[in-house]
Amino acid sequence: MSPFSTPVLLGATVVSGPALYGAFVSGTTSTQTALLRFLVCAGLAWLGLAVVSMLVGPPPRAEAVAVEDETAEEPAAHEEQETPAL
């Protein structure tokens, strides 16, 4: 998983949201502190999502399905077979 992927950056933004709000809206936090918290959160989000993706693994591939030819004769599988009496 790329450290610049959307889930990583979105997760880091959500987690460091209060610090970013304090830096850019209310002015209670310095910009340097907010950006440092964002970078730490981005690293932790990347690490966490990478571990989860390793545990889950790649998605399964779809199996190829054979397409039957409509003009070919069907086997006699539709005929009823007698079952022996028990």
PDB file of N, CA and C in Angstrom:
ATOM      1  N   MET A   1       0.853  -1.166   0.000  1.00  0.00           N
ATOM      2  CA  MET A   1       0.000   0.000   0.000  1.00  0.00           C
ATOM      3  C   MET A   1       0.897   1.226   0.000  1.00  0.00           C
ATOM      4  N   SER A   2       0.564   2.165  -0.827  1.00  0.00           N
ATOM      5  CA  SER A   2       1.342   3.388  -0.954  1.00  0.00           C
ATOM      6  C   SER A   2       1.079   4.319   0.227  1.00  0.00           C
ATOM      7  N   PRO A   3       2.114   4.995   0.732  1.00  0.00           N
ATOM      8  CA  PRO A   3       1.893   5.939   1.831  1.00  0.00           C
ATOM      9  C   PRO A   3       1.122   7.179   1.392  1.00  0.00           C
ATOM     10  N   PHE A   4       0.978   7.380   0.090  1.00  0.00           N
ATOM     11  CA  PHE A   4       0.234   8.530  -0.420  1.00  0.00           C
ATOM     12  C   PHE A   4      -1.137   8.132  -0.967  1.00  0.00           C
ATOM     13  N   SER A   5      -1.609   6.948  -0.598  1.00  0.00           N
ATOM     14  CA  SER A   5      -2.920   6.505  -1.078  1.00  0.00           C
ATOM     15  C   SER A   5      -4.028   7.238  -0.327  1.00  0.00           C
ATOM     16  N   THR A   6      -5.199   7.214  -0.890  1.00  0.00           N
ATOM     17  CA  THR A   6      -6.342   7.930  -0.317  1.00  0.00           C
ATOM     18  C   THR A   6      -6.715   7.441   1.081  1.00  0.00           C
ATOM     19  N   PRO A   7      -6.785   6.131   1.340  1.00  0.00           N
ATOM     20  CA  PRO A   7      -7.151   5.708   2.703  1.00  0.00           C
ATOM     21  C   PRO A   7      -6.145   6.162   3.766  1.00  0.00           C
ATOM     22  N   VAL A   8      -4.867   6.181   3.424  1.00  0.00           N
ATOM     23  CA  VAL A   8      -3.851   6.591   4.381  1.00  0.00           C
ATOM     24  C   VAL A   8      -3.982   8.084   4.681  1.00  0.00           C
ATOM     25  N   LEU A   9      -4.092   8.891   3.639  1.00  0.00           N
ATOM     26  CA  LEU A   9      -4.183  10.339   3.848  1.00  0.00           C
ATOM     27  C   LEU A   9      -5.500  10.723   4.521  1.00  0.00           C
ATOM     28  N   LEU A  10      -6.566  10.041   4.192  1.00  0.00           N
ATOM     29  CA  LEU A  10      -7.856  10.326   4.826  1.00  0.00           C
ATOM     30  C   LEU A  10      -7.827   9.940   6.303  1.00  0.00           C
ATOM     31  N   GLY A  11      -7.256   8.791   6.613  1.00  0.00           N
ATOM     32  CA  GLY A  11      -7.139   8.368   8.010  1.00  0.00           C
ATOM     33  C   GLY A  11      -6.271   9.308   8.822  1.00  0.00           C
ATOM     34  N   ALA A  12      -5.171   9.760   8.245  1.00  0.00           N
ATOM     35  CA  ALA A  12      -4.294  10.699   8.946  1.00  0.00           C
ATOM     36  C   ALA A  12      -4.980  12.038   9.157  1.00  0.00           C
ATOM     37  N   THR A  13      -5.762  12.470   8.194  1.00  0.00           N
ATOM     38  CA  THR A  13      -6.485  13.733   8.336  1.00  0.00           C
ATOM     39  C   THR A  13      -7.549  13.636   9.422  1.00  0.00           C
ATOM     40  N   VAL A  14      -8.234  12.524   9.495  1.00  0.00           N
ATOM     41  CA  VAL A  14      -9.273  12.356  10.519  1.00  0.00           C
ATOM     42  C   VAL A  14      -8.653  12.311  11.909  1.00  0.00           C
ATOM     43  N   VAL A  15      -7.564  11.567  12.058  1.00  0.00           N
ATOM     44  CA  VAL A  15      -6.951  11.422  13.373  1.00  0.00           C
ATOM     45  C   VAL A  15      -6.300  12.724  13.831  1.00  0.00           C
ATOM     46  N   SER A  16      -5.651  13.441  12.920  1.00  0.00           N
ATOM     47  CA  SER A  16      -4.994  14.692  13.299  1.00  0.00           C
ATOM     48  C   SER A  16      -5.891  15.900  13.059  1.00  0.00           C
ATOM     49  N   GLY A  17      -7.155  15.684  12.844  1.00  0.00           N
ATOM     50  CA  GLY A  17      -8.100  16.765  12.580  1.00  0.00           C
ATOM     51  C   GLY A  17      -8.153  17.837  13.658  1.00  0.00           C
ATOM     52  N   PRO A  18      -8.199  17.472  14.936  1.00  0.00           N
ATOM     53  CA  PRO A  18      -8.226  18.517  15.964  1.00  0.00           C
ATOM     54  C   PRO A  18      -6.991  19.418  15.943  1.00  0.00           C
ATOM     55  N   ALA A  19      -5.825  18.854  15.681  1.00  0.00           N
ATOM     56  CA  ALA A  19      -4.614  19.676  15.614  1.00  0.00           C
ATOM     57  C   ALA A  19      -4.638  20.578  14.380  1.00  0.00           C
ATOM     58  N   LEU A  20      -5.119  20.047  13.267  1.00  0.00           N
ATOM     59  CA  LEU A  20      -5.215  20.871  12.059  1.00  0.00           C
ATOM     60  C   LEU A  20      -6.238  21.989  12.235  1.00  0.00           C
ATOM     61  N   TYR A  21      -7.338  21.696  12.907  1.00  0.00           N
ATOM     62  CA  TYR A  21      -8.346  22.715  13.191  1.00  0.00           C
ATOM     63  C   TYR A  21      -7.753  23.803  14.094  1.00  0.00           C
ATOM     64  N   GLY A  22      -7.023  23.367  15.099  1.00  0.00           N
ATOM     65  CA  GLY A  22      -6.413  24.337  16.001  1.00  0.00           C
ATOM     66  C   GLY A  22      -5.381  25.211  15.319  1.00  0.00           C
ATOM     67  N   ALA A  23      -4.694  24.696  14.331  1.00  0.00           N
ATOM     68  CA  ALA A  23      -3.665  25.473  13.634  1.00  0.00           C
ATOM     69  C   ALA A  23      -4.256  26.412  12.594  1.00  0.00           C
ATOM     70  N   PHE A  24      -5.219  25.936  11.824  1.00  0.00           N
ATOM     71  CA  PHE A  24      -5.684  26.716  10.684  1.00  0.00           C
ATOM     72  C   PHE A  24      -6.975  27.483  10.927  1.00  0.00           C
ATOM     73  N   VAL A  25      -7.755  27.134  11.954  1.00  0.00           N
ATOM     74  CA  VAL A  25      -9.028  27.825  12.179  1.00  0.00           C
ATOM     75  C   VAL A  25      -8.972  28.669  13.447  1.00  0.00           C
ATOM     76  N   SER A  26      -8.701  28.027  14.581  1.00  0.00           N
ATOM     77  CA  SER A  26      -8.766  28.781  15.836  1.00  0.00           C
ATOM     78  C   SER A  26      -7.439  29.406  16.231  1.00  0.00           C
ATOM     79  N   GLY A  27      -6.333  28.954  15.695  1.00  0.00           N
ATOM     80  CA  GLY A  27      -5.032  29.539  15.983  1.00  0.00           C
ATOM     81  C   GLY A  27      -4.468  29.162  17.336  1.00  0.00           C
ATOM     82  N   THR A  28      -4.965  28.107  17.960  1.00  0.00           N
ATOM     83  CA  THR A  28      -4.471  27.700  19.278  1.00  0.00           C
ATOM     84  C   THR A  28      -3.260  26.786  19.203  1.00  0.00           C
ATOM     85  N   THR A  29      -2.994  26.209  18.054  1.00  0.00           N
ATOM     86  CA  THR A  29      -1.856  25.314  17.870  1.00  0.00           C
ATOM     87  C   THR A  29      -0.972  25.877  16.771  1.00  0.00           C
ATOM     88  N   SER A  30       0.330  25.704  16.922  1.00  0.00           N
ATOM     89  CA  SER A  30       1.223  26.199  15.872  1.00  0.00           C
ATOM     90  C   SER A  30       1.098  25.322  14.625  1.00  0.00           C
ATOM     91  N   THR A  31       1.371  25.889  13.494  1.00  0.00           N
ATOM     92  CA  THR A  31       1.278  25.158  12.223  1.00  0.00           C
ATOM     93  C   THR A  31       2.292  24.029  12.178  1.00  0.00           C
ATOM     94  N   GLN A  32       3.477  24.272  12.710  1.00  0.00           N
ATOM     95  CA  GLN A  32       4.516  23.250  12.713  1.00  0.00           C
ATOM     96  C   GLN A  32       4.089  22.037  13.540  1.00  0.00           C
ATOM     97  N   THR A  33       3.476  22.269  14.673  1.00  0.00           N
ATOM     98  CA  THR A  33       3.015  21.169  15.521  1.00  0.00           C
ATOM     99  C   THR A  33       1.914  20.382  14.827  1.00  0.00           C
ATOM    100  N   ALA A  34       0.980  21.077  14.197  1.00  0.00           N
ATOM    101  CA  ALA A  34      -0.123  20.396  13.516  1.00  0.00           C
ATOM    102  C   ALA A  34       0.385  19.554  12.353  1.00  0.00           C
ATOM    103  N   LEU A  35       1.320  20.082  11.577  1.00  0.00           N
ATOM    104  CA  LEU A  35       1.836  19.311  10.447  1.00  0.00           C
ATOM    105  C   LEU A  35       2.692  18.135  10.911  1.00  0.00           C
ATOM    106  N   LEU A  36       3.412  18.309  12.012  1.00  0.00           N
ATOM    107  CA  LEU A  36       4.172  17.191  12.555  1.00  0.00           C
ATOM    108  C   LEU A  36       3.231  16.092  13.039  1.00  0.00           C
ATOM    109  N   ARG A  37       2.145  16.454  13.682  1.00  0.00           N
ATOM    110  CA  ARG A  37       1.161  15.462  14.112  1.00  0.00           C
ATOM    111  C   ARG A  37       0.535  14.771  12.906  1.00  0.00           C
ATOM    112  N   PHE A  38       0.280  15.528  11.837  1.00  0.00           N
ATOM    113  CA  PHE A  38      -0.271  14.918  10.625  1.00  0.00           C
ATOM    114  C   PHE A  38       0.707  13.904  10.051  1.00  0.00           C
ATOM    115  N   LEU A  39       1.997  14.224  10.000  1.00  0.00           N
ATOM    116  CA  LEU A  39       2.984  13.288   9.449  1.00  0.00           C
ATOM    117  C   LEU A  39       3.112  12.033  10.310  1.00  0.00           C
ATOM    118  N   VAL A  40       3.068  12.206  11.628  1.00  0.00           N
ATOM    119  CA  VAL A  40       3.119  11.032  12.509  1.00  0.00           C
ATOM    120  C   VAL A  40       1.876  10.168  12.307  1.00  0.00           C
ATOM    121  N   CYS A  41       0.714  10.802  12.215  1.00  0.00           N
ATOM    122  CA  CYS A  41      -0.534  10.050  11.984  1.00  0.00           C
ATOM    123  C   CYS A  41      -0.529   9.367  10.629  1.00  0.00           C
ATOM    124  N   ALA A  42       0.045  10.025   9.613  1.00  0.00           N
ATOM    125  CA  ALA A  42       0.123   9.406   8.284  1.00  0.00           C
ATOM    126  C   ALA A  42       1.012   8.174   8.327  1.00  0.00           C
ATOM    127  N   GLY A  43       2.121   8.244   9.041  1.00  0.00           N
ATOM    128  CA  GLY A  43       2.999   7.080   9.155  1.00  0.00           C
ATOM    129  C   GLY A  43       2.339   5.937   9.878  1.00  0.00           C
ATOM    130  N   LEU A  44       1.632   6.248  10.967  1.00  0.00           N
ATOM    131  CA  LEU A  44       0.947   5.193  11.713  1.00  0.00           C
ATOM    132  C   LEU A  44      -0.223   4.607  10.925  1.00  0.00           C
ATOM    133  N   ALA A  45      -0.948   5.450  10.204  1.00  0.00           N
ATOM    134  CA  ALA A  45      -2.059   4.951   9.377  1.00  0.00           C
ATOM    135  C   ALA A  45      -1.531   4.060   8.252  1.00  0.00           C
ATOM    136  N   TRP A  46      -0.410   4.460   7.658  1.00  0.00           N
ATOM    137  CA  TRP A  46       0.190   3.655   6.592  1.00  0.00           C
ATOM    138  C   TRP A  46       0.622   2.296   7.140  1.00  0.00           C
ATOM    139  N   LEU A  47       1.269   2.308   8.301  1.00  0.00           N
ATOM    140  CA  LEU A  47       1.717   1.065   8.904  1.00  0.00           C
ATOM    141  C   LEU A  47       0.529   0.163   9.252  1.00  0.00           C
ATOM    142  N   GLY A  48      -0.497   0.734   9.852  1.00  0.00           N
ATOM    143  CA  GLY A  48      -1.668  -0.053  10.226  1.00  0.00           C
ATOM    144  C   GLY A  48      -2.391  -0.640   9.033  1.00  0.00           C
ATOM    145  N   LEU A  49      -2.597   0.164   8.006  1.00  0.00           N
ATOM    146  CA  LEU A  49      -3.294  -0.338   6.819  1.00  0.00           C
ATOM    147  C   LEU A  49      -2.439  -1.340   6.041  1.00  0.00           C
ATOM    148  N   ALA A  50      -1.121  -1.183   6.075  1.00  0.00           N
ATOM    149  CA  ALA A  50      -0.247  -2.155   5.410  1.00  0.00           C
ATOM    150  C   ALA A  50      -0.314  -3.504   6.120  1.00  0.00           C
ATOM    151  N   VAL A  51      -0.363  -3.486   7.449  1.00  0.00           N
ATOM    152  CA  VAL A  51      -0.471  -4.741   8.199  1.00  0.00           C
ATOM    153  C   VAL A  51      -1.808  -5.413   7.914  1.00  0.00           C
ATOM    154  N   VAL A  52      -2.872  -4.632   7.893  1.00  0.00           N
ATOM    155  CA  VAL A  52      -4.199  -5.201   7.600  1.00  0.00           C
ATOM    156  C   VAL A  52      -4.234  -5.792   6.193  1.00  0.00           C
ATOM    157  N   SER A  53      -3.646  -5.097   5.220  1.00  0.00           N
ATOM    158  CA  SER A  53      -3.664  -5.618   3.852  1.00  0.00           C
ATOM    159  C   SER A  53      -2.806  -6.873   3.721  1.00  0.00           C
ATOM    160  N   MET A  54      -1.736  -6.999   4.524  1.00  0.00           N
ATOM    161  CA  MET A  54      -0.950  -8.236   4.503  1.00  0.00           C
ATOM    162  C   MET A  54      -1.728  -9.391   5.125  1.00  0.00           C
ATOM    163  N   LEU A  55      -2.496  -9.109   6.164  1.00  0.00           N
ATOM    164  CA  LEU A  55      -3.281 -10.158   6.798  1.00  0.00           C
ATOM    165  C   LEU A  55      -4.433 -10.630   5.919  1.00  0.00           C
ATOM    166  N   VAL A  56      -5.045  -9.703   5.211  1.00  0.00           N
ATOM    167  CA  VAL A  56      -6.199 -10.042   4.374  1.00  0.00           C
ATOM    168  C   VAL A  56      -5.746 -10.725   3.091  1.00  0.00           C
ATOM    169  N   GLY A  57      -4.702 -10.230   2.466  1.00  0.00           N
ATOM    170  CA  GLY A  57      -4.189 -10.814   1.239  1.00  0.00           C
ATOM    171  C   GLY A  57      -4.855 -10.228   0.018  1.00  0.00           C
ATOM    172  N   PRO A  58      -4.409 -10.656  -1.147  1.00  0.00           N
ATOM    173  CA  PRO A  58      -4.981 -10.130  -2.384  1.00  0.00           C
ATOM    174  C   PRO A  58      -6.391 -10.675  -2.610  1.00  0.00           C
ATOM    175  N   PRO A  59      -7.193  -9.972  -3.382  1.00  0.00           N
ATOM    176  CA  PRO A  59      -8.539 -10.479  -3.671  1.00  0.00           C
ATOM    177  C   PRO A  59      -8.464 -11.724  -4.554  1.00  0.00           C
ATOM    178  N   PRO A  60      -9.406 -12.639  -4.395  1.00  0.00           N
ATOM    179  CA  PRO A  60      -9.370 -13.859  -5.204  1.00  0.00           C
ATOM    180  C   PRO A  60      -9.688 -13.545  -6.664  1.00  0.00           C
ATOM    181  N   ARG A  61      -9.082 -14.329  -7.531  1.00  0.00           N
ATOM    182  CA  ARG A  61      -9.341 -14.150  -8.966  1.00  0.00           C
ATOM    183  C   ARG A  61     -10.606 -14.901  -9.356  1.00  0.00           C
ATOM    184  N   ALA A  62     -11.308 -14.358 -10.307  1.00  0.00           N
ATOM    185  CA  ALA A  62     -12.515 -15.019 -10.792  1.00  0.00           C
ATOM    186  C   ALA A  62     -12.113 -16.220 -11.645  1.00  0.00           C
ATOM    187  N   GLU A  63     -12.836 -17.306 -11.460  1.00  0.00           N
ATOM    188  CA  GLU A  63     -12.554 -18.499 -12.246  1.00  0.00           C
ATOM    189  C   GLU A  63     -13.149 -18.354 -13.635  1.00  0.00           C
ATOM    190  N   ALA A  64     -12.453 -18.900 -14.608  1.00  0.00           N
ATOM    191  CA  ALA A  64     -12.934 -18.849 -15.977  1.00  0.00           C
ATOM    192  C   ALA A  64     -14.126 -19.788 -16.126  1.00  0.00           C
ATOM    193  N   VAL A  65     -15.162 -19.319 -16.758  1.00  0.00           N
ATOM    194  CA  VAL A  65     -16.360 -20.116 -16.973  1.00  0.00           C
ATOM    195  C   VAL A  65     -16.428 -20.463 -18.448  1.00  0.00           C
ATOM    196  N   ALA A  66     -16.589 -21.748 -18.730  1.00  0.00           N
ATOM    197  CA  ALA A  66     -16.677 -22.190 -20.110  1.00  0.00           C
ATOM    198  C   ALA A  66     -18.042 -21.831 -20.677  1.00  0.00           C
ATOM    199  N   VAL A  67     -18.035 -21.275 -21.856  1.00  0.00           N
ATOM    200  CA  VAL A  67     -19.277 -20.911 -22.527  1.00  0.00           C
ATOM    201  C   VAL A  67     -19.699 -22.089 -23.398  1.00  0.00           C
ATOM    202  N   GLU A  68     -20.938 -22.538 -23.198  1.00  0.00           N
ATOM    203  CA  GLU A  68     -21.432 -23.677 -23.964  1.00  0.00           C
ATOM    204  C   GLU A  68     -21.956 -23.202 -25.314  1.00  0.00           C
ATOM    205  N   ASP A  69     -21.707 -24.005 -26.313  1.00  0.00           N
ATOM    206  CA  ASP A  69     -22.190 -23.707 -27.650  1.00  0.00           C
ATOM    207  C   ASP A  69     -23.648 -24.159 -27.738  1.00  0.00           C
ATOM    208  N   GLU A  70     -24.534 -23.275 -28.120  1.00  0.00           N
ATOM    209  CA  GLU A  70     -25.962 -23.602 -28.174  1.00  0.00           C
ATOM    210  C   GLU A  70     -26.293 -24.573 -29.294  1.00  0.00           C
ATOM    211  N   THR A  71     -25.454 -24.642 -30.325  1.00  0.00           N
ATOM    212  CA  THR A  71     -25.743 -25.527 -31.449  1.00  0.00           C
ATOM    213  C   THR A  71     -25.285 -26.952 -31.184  1.00  0.00           C
ATOM    214  N   ALA A  72     -24.440 -27.152 -30.193  1.00  0.00           N
ATOM    215  CA  ALA A  72     -23.953 -28.508 -29.899  1.00  0.00           C
ATOM    216  C   ALA A  72     -25.056 -29.320 -29.241  1.00  0.00           C
ATOM    217  N   GLU A  73     -25.016 -30.608 -29.495  1.00  0.00           N
ATOM    218  CA  GLU A  73     -26.019 -31.473 -28.908  1.00  0.00           C
ATOM    219  C   GLU A  73     -25.720 -31.659 -27.432  1.00  0.00           C
ATOM    220  N   GLU A  74     -26.780 -31.648 -26.652  1.00  0.00           N
ATOM    221  CA  GLU A  74     -26.611 -31.836 -25.220  1.00  0.00           C
ATOM    222  C   GLU A  74     -26.512 -33.321 -24.927  1.00  0.00           C
ATOM    223  N   PRO A  75     -25.732 -33.691 -23.931  1.00  0.00           N
ATOM    224  CA  PRO A  75     -25.631 -35.123 -23.591  1.00  0.00           C
ATOM    225  C   PRO A  75     -26.947 -35.616 -23.004  1.00  0.00           C
ATOM    226  N   ALA A  76     -27.051 -36.902 -22.882  1.00  0.00           N
ATOM    227  CA  ALA A  76     -28.287 -37.525 -22.421  1.00  0.00           C
ATOM    228  C   ALA A  76     -28.413 -37.448 -20.900  1.00  0.00           C
ATOM    229  N   ALA A  77     -27.933 -36.400 -20.303  1.00  0.00           N
ATOM    230  CA  ALA A  77     -27.991 -36.246 -18.850  1.00  0.00           C
ATOM    231  C   ALA A  77     -29.392 -35.911 -18.391  1.00  0.00           C
ATOM    232  N   HIS A  78     -30.218 -35.405 -19.284  1.00  0.00           N
ATOM    233  CA  HIS A  78     -31.568 -35.016 -18.906  1.00  0.00           C
ATOM    234  C   HIS A  78     -32.519 -36.214 -18.856  1.00  0.00           C
ATOM    235  N   GLU A  79     -32.105 -37.342 -19.419  1.00  0.00           N
ATOM    236  CA  GLU A  79     -32.958 -38.512 -19.413  1.00  0.00           C
ATOM    237  C   GLU A  79     -33.000 -39.078 -18.000  1.00  0.00           C
ATOM    238  N   GLU A  80     -34.151 -39.569 -17.643  1.00  0.00           N
ATOM    239  CA  GLU A  80     -34.295 -40.142 -16.316  1.00  0.00           C
ATOM    240  C   GLU A  80     -33.626 -41.506 -16.264  1.00  0.00           C
ATOM    241  N   GLN A  81     -32.909 -41.705 -15.195  1.00  0.00           N
ATOM    242  CA  GLN A  81     -32.261 -42.980 -15.014  1.00  0.00           C
ATOM    243  C   GLN A  81     -33.007 -43.754 -13.926  1.00  0.00           C
ATOM    244  N   GLU A  82     -33.125 -45.047 -14.164  1.00  0.00           N
ATOM    245  CA  GLU A  82     -33.789 -45.878 -13.184  1.00  0.00           C
ATOM    246  C   GLU A  82     -32.865 -46.155 -12.034  1.00  0.00           C
ATOM    247  N   THR A  83     -33.411 -46.047 -10.850  1.00  0.00           N
ATOM    248  CA  THR A  83     -32.611 -46.367  -9.657  1.00  0.00           C
ATOM    249  C   THR A  83     -32.990 -47.779  -9.213  1.00  0.00           C
ATOM    250  N   PRO A  84     -32.023 -48.546  -8.807  1.00  0.00           N
ATOM    251  CA  PRO A  84     -32.341 -49.917  -8.372  1.00  0.00           C
ATOM    252  C   PRO A  84     -33.129 -49.880  -7.069  1.00  0.00           C
ATOM    253  N   ALA A  85     -34.074 -50.808  -6.950  1.00  0.00           N
ATOM    254  CA  ALA A  85     -34.889 -50.894  -5.752  1.00  0.00           C
ATOM    255  C   ALA A  85     -34.057 -51.463  -4.623  1.00  0.00           C
ATOM    256  N   LEU A  86     -34.253 -50.918  -3.483  1.00  0.00           N
ATOM    257  CA  LEU A  86     -33.497 -51.409  -2.306  1.00  0.00           C
ATOM    258  C   LEU A  86     -34.204 -52.476  -1.583  1.00  0.00           C
TER     259      LEU A  86
END
